[in-house]
Amino acid sequence: MTPQNANADWISLLARIFDELPALPGAACAGRPDLFDPADTRETAESVASRYRAAAAVCASCPALTQCRAWADSLNRHRRPAGVVGGRIPDPGPPAGRRPTRETFSGSTVKSPAADEGAVA
């Protein structure tokens, strides 16, 4: 493979990735992966829980919460991002002996600002 072909492959891959991302104008999470990303193996459970609560608090006042949640819900469970998405805090982990899934949430979510105004979230 020539360097030009390799570059074209990378550009094509990046274009496909960006095409799948939603347009979320005003998203409060932009530039804050430190709060929203999945747990790191070096983090304590308490640290992860604290970080996820902070991320959900950011989501609580986000003008793009409804669109973000709708986008995440539209994805096949294997394509959903890990970590906090749309104000949903992922389950800290499965019981011993069970495999984790990307669609397991602890039930902790935030309401959309639009939901407070009577809109369907």
C-alpha atoms as a PDB file:
ATOM      1  CA  MET A   1       0.000   0.000   0.000  1.00  0.00           C
ATOM      2  CA  THR A   2       1.365   3.384  -0.930  1.00  0.00           C
ATOM      3  CA  PRO A   3       1.403   6.282   1.540  1.00  0.00           C
ATOM      4  CA  GLN A   4      -1.233   8.037  -0.575  1.00  0.00           C
ATOM      5  CA  ASN A   5      -3.566   5.012  -0.325  1.00  0.00           C
ATOM      6  CA  ALA A   6      -3.005   4.774   3.429  1.00  0.00           C
ATOM      7  CA  ASN A   7      -3.861   8.449   3.843  1.00  0.00           C
ATOM      8  CA  ALA A   8      -6.976   8.045   1.715  1.00  0.00           C
ATOM      9  CA  ASP A   9      -8.069   5.089   3.888  1.00  0.00           C
ATOM     10  CA  TRP A  10      -7.674   7.142   7.066  1.00  0.00           C
ATOM     11  CA  ILE A  11      -9.521  10.091   5.581  1.00  0.00           C
ATOM     12  CA  SER A  12     -12.351   7.812   4.455  1.00  0.00           C
ATOM     13  CA  LEU A  13     -12.578   6.243   7.920  1.00  0.00           C
ATOM     14  CA  LEU A  14     -12.665   9.623   9.652  1.00  0.00           C
ATOM     15  CA  ALA A  15     -15.346  10.865   7.258  1.00  0.00           C
ATOM     16  CA  ARG A  16     -17.546   7.846   8.078  1.00  0.00           C
ATOM     17  CA  ILE A  17     -17.068   8.392  11.813  1.00  0.00           C
ATOM     18  CA  PHE A  18     -17.948  12.087  11.617  1.00  0.00           C
ATOM     19  CA  ASP A  19     -20.965  11.385   9.405  1.00  0.00           C
ATOM     20  CA  GLU A  20     -22.420   9.248  12.201  1.00  0.00           C
ATOM     21  CA  LEU A  21     -22.035  11.919  14.883  1.00  0.00           C
ATOM     22  CA  PRO A  22     -25.068  14.078  15.603  1.00  0.00           C
ATOM     23  CA  ALA A  23     -25.119  17.841  15.256  1.00  0.00           C
ATOM     24  CA  LEU A  24     -25.698  19.050  18.808  1.00  0.00           C
ATOM     25  CA  PRO A  25     -25.432  22.842  18.790  1.00  0.00           C
ATOM     26  CA  GLY A  26     -24.708  24.220  22.226  1.00  0.00           C
ATOM     27  CA  ALA A  27     -23.839  20.821  23.724  1.00  0.00           C
ATOM     28  CA  ALA A  28     -22.514  21.483  27.211  1.00  0.00           C
ATOM     29  CA  CYS A  29     -20.273  18.417  27.084  1.00  0.00           C
ATOM     30  CA  ALA A  30     -18.166  19.703  24.178  1.00  0.00           C
ATOM     31  CA  GLY A  31     -14.507  19.589  25.133  1.00  0.00           C
ATOM     32  CA  ARG A  32     -15.162  17.807  28.453  1.00  0.00           C
ATOM     33  CA  PRO A  33     -14.333  14.136  27.817  1.00  0.00           C
ATOM     34  CA  ASP A  34     -12.740  13.959  31.258  1.00  0.00           C
ATOM     35  CA  LEU A  35     -16.250  13.785  32.782  1.00  0.00           C
ATOM     36  CA  PHE A  36     -18.132  11.720  30.211  1.00  0.00           C
ATOM     37  CA  ASP A  37     -15.699   9.027  29.082  1.00  0.00           C
ATOM     38  CA  PRO A  38     -15.985   5.417  30.263  1.00  0.00           C
ATOM     39  CA  ALA A  39     -14.285   4.344  33.464  1.00  0.00           C
ATOM     40  CA  ASP A  40     -10.556   3.831  33.302  1.00  0.00           C
ATOM     41  CA  THR A  41      -9.101   0.717  34.906  1.00  0.00           C
ATOM     42  CA  ARG A  42      -6.934   2.957  37.106  1.00  0.00           C
ATOM     43  CA  GLU A  43      -9.922   4.820  38.598  1.00  0.00           C
ATOM     44  CA  THR A  44     -11.595   3.864  41.833  1.00  0.00           C
ATOM     45  CA  ALA A  45     -15.329   3.163  41.832  1.00  0.00           C
ATOM     46  CA  GLU A  46     -15.847   6.266  43.980  1.00  0.00           C
ATOM     47  CA  SER A  47     -13.918   8.430  41.532  1.00  0.00           C
ATOM     48  CA  VAL A  48     -15.913   7.132  38.575  1.00  0.00           C
ATOM     49  CA  ALA A  49     -19.231   7.631  40.401  1.00  0.00           C
ATOM     50  CA  SER A  50     -18.268  11.205  41.327  1.00  0.00           C
ATOM     51  CA  ARG A  51     -17.181  11.985  37.766  1.00  0.00           C
ATOM     52  CA  TYR A  52     -20.371  10.515  36.316  1.00  0.00           C
ATOM     53  CA  ARG A  53     -22.538  12.547  38.720  1.00  0.00           C
ATOM     54  CA  ALA A  54     -20.700  15.690  37.598  1.00  0.00           C
ATOM     55  CA  ALA A  55     -21.293  14.737  33.954  1.00  0.00           C
ATOM     56  CA  ALA A  56     -25.007  14.169  34.577  1.00  0.00           C
ATOM     57  CA  ALA A  57     -25.186  17.585  36.247  1.00  0.00           C
ATOM     58  CA  VAL A  58     -23.722  19.146  33.091  1.00  0.00           C
ATOM     59  CA  CYS A  59     -26.351  17.293  31.033  1.00  0.00           C
ATOM     60  CA  ALA A  60     -29.152  18.537  33.285  1.00  0.00           C
ATOM     61  CA  SER A  61     -28.868  22.067  31.931  1.00  0.00           C
ATOM     62  CA  CYS A  62     -27.757  21.202  28.402  1.00  0.00           C
ATOM     63  CA  PRO A  63     -29.889  22.608  25.571  1.00  0.00           C
ATOM     64  CA  ALA A  64     -28.996  19.568  23.420  1.00  0.00           C
ATOM     65  CA  LEU A  65     -30.036  16.897  25.954  1.00  0.00           C
ATOM     66  CA  THR A  66     -33.173  15.773  24.115  1.00  0.00           C
ATOM     67  CA  GLN A  67     -31.383  15.475  20.755  1.00  0.00           C
ATOM     68  CA  CYS A  68     -28.402  13.737  22.356  1.00  0.00           C
ATOM     69  CA  ARG A  69     -30.580  11.169  24.075  1.00  0.00           C
ATOM     70  CA  ALA A  70     -32.611  10.562  20.901  1.00  0.00           C
ATOM     71  CA  TRP A  71     -29.391  10.018  18.936  1.00  0.00           C
ATOM     72  CA  ALA A  72     -28.029   7.538  21.494  1.00  0.00           C
ATOM     73  CA  ASP A  73     -31.356   5.686  21.589  1.00  0.00           C
ATOM     74  CA  SER A  74     -31.363   5.406  17.786  1.00  0.00           C
ATOM     75  CA  LEU A  75     -28.095   3.470  17.749  1.00  0.00           C
ATOM     76  CA  ASN A  76     -27.759  -0.284  17.847  1.00  0.00           C
ATOM     77  CA  ARG A  77     -26.679  -1.211  21.372  1.00  0.00           C
ATOM     78  CA  HIS A  78     -23.220  -2.236  20.113  1.00  0.00           C
ATOM     79  CA  ARG A  79     -22.708   1.190  18.537  1.00  0.00           C
ATOM     80  CA  ARG A  80     -23.719   3.264  21.554  1.00  0.00           C
ATOM     81  CA  PRO A  81     -20.882   5.185  23.147  1.00  0.00           C
ATOM     82  CA  ALA A  82     -19.707   4.060  26.550  1.00  0.00           C
ATOM     83  CA  GLY A  83     -19.709   6.484  29.465  1.00  0.00           C
ATOM     84  CA  VAL A  84     -22.305   9.127  30.273  1.00  0.00           C
ATOM     85  CA  VAL A  85     -24.470   9.921  27.239  1.00  0.00           C
ATOM     86  CA  GLY A  86     -27.648  11.959  27.223  1.00  0.00           C
ATOM     87  CA  GLY A  87     -27.537  12.318  30.992  1.00  0.00           C
ATOM     88  CA  ARG A  88     -27.620   8.563  31.503  1.00  0.00           C
ATOM     89  CA  ILE A  89     -25.117   7.183  33.961  1.00  0.00           C
ATOM     90  CA  PRO A  90     -23.932   3.691  33.040  1.00  0.00           C
ATOM     91  CA  ASP A  91     -24.180   0.899  35.554  1.00  0.00           C
ATOM     92  CA  PRO A  92     -20.913   0.620  37.475  1.00  0.00           C
ATOM     93  CA  GLY A  93     -20.558  -2.980  36.373  1.00  0.00           C
ATOM     94  CA  PRO A  94     -22.215  -6.347  36.262  1.00  0.00           C
ATOM     95  CA  PRO A  95     -22.396  -8.696  39.216  1.00  0.00           C
ATOM     96  CA  ALA A  96     -19.464 -11.090  39.485  1.00  0.00           C
ATOM     97  CA  GLY A  97     -19.511 -13.669  36.717  1.00  0.00           C
ATOM     98  CA  ARG A  98     -21.655 -11.611  34.300  1.00  0.00           C
ATOM     99  CA  ARG A  99     -20.440  -9.823  31.215  1.00  0.00           C
ATOM    100  CA  PRO A 100     -20.953  -6.048  30.947  1.00  0.00           C
ATOM    101  CA  THR A 101     -23.177  -4.581  28.257  1.00  0.00           C
ATOM    102  CA  ARG A 102     -23.176  -1.104  26.789  1.00  0.00           C
ATOM    103  CA  GLU A 103     -26.891  -0.643  27.334  1.00  0.00           C
ATOM    104  CA  THR A 104     -26.895  -1.243  31.072  1.00  0.00           C
ATOM    105  CA  PHE A 105     -27.641   1.944  32.963  1.00  0.00           C
ATOM    106  CA  SER A 106     -27.974   2.441  36.676  1.00  0.00           C
ATOM    107  CA  GLY A 107     -31.288   4.176  36.183  1.00  0.00           C
ATOM    108  CA  SER A 108     -29.758   7.545  36.970  1.00  0.00           C
ATOM    109  CA  THR A 109     -30.789  10.010  34.335  1.00  0.00           C
ATOM    110  CA  VAL A 110     -31.458  13.693  34.097  1.00  0.00           C
ATOM    111  CA  LYS A 111     -34.570  15.314  32.731  1.00  0.00           C
ATOM    112  CA  SER A 112     -34.417  17.328  29.573  1.00  0.00           C
ATOM    113  CA  PRO A 113     -34.934  21.066  30.097  1.00  0.00           C
ATOM    114  CA  ALA A 114     -37.713  20.768  27.494  1.00  0.00           C
ATOM    115  CA  ALA A 115     -39.410  18.101  29.636  1.00  0.00           C
ATOM    116  CA  ASP A 116     -39.843  20.686  32.367  1.00  0.00           C
ATOM    117  CA  GLU A 117     -41.852  22.748  29.903  1.00  0.00           C
ATOM    118  CA  GLY A 118     -44.236  19.903  29.097  1.00  0.00           C
ATOM    119  CA  ALA A 119     -42.444  18.665  25.972  1.00  0.00           C
ATOM    120  CA  VAL A 120     -41.887  14.973  25.473  1.00  0.00           C
ATOM    121  CA  ALA A 121     -38.251  14.000  26.090  1.00  0.00           C
END
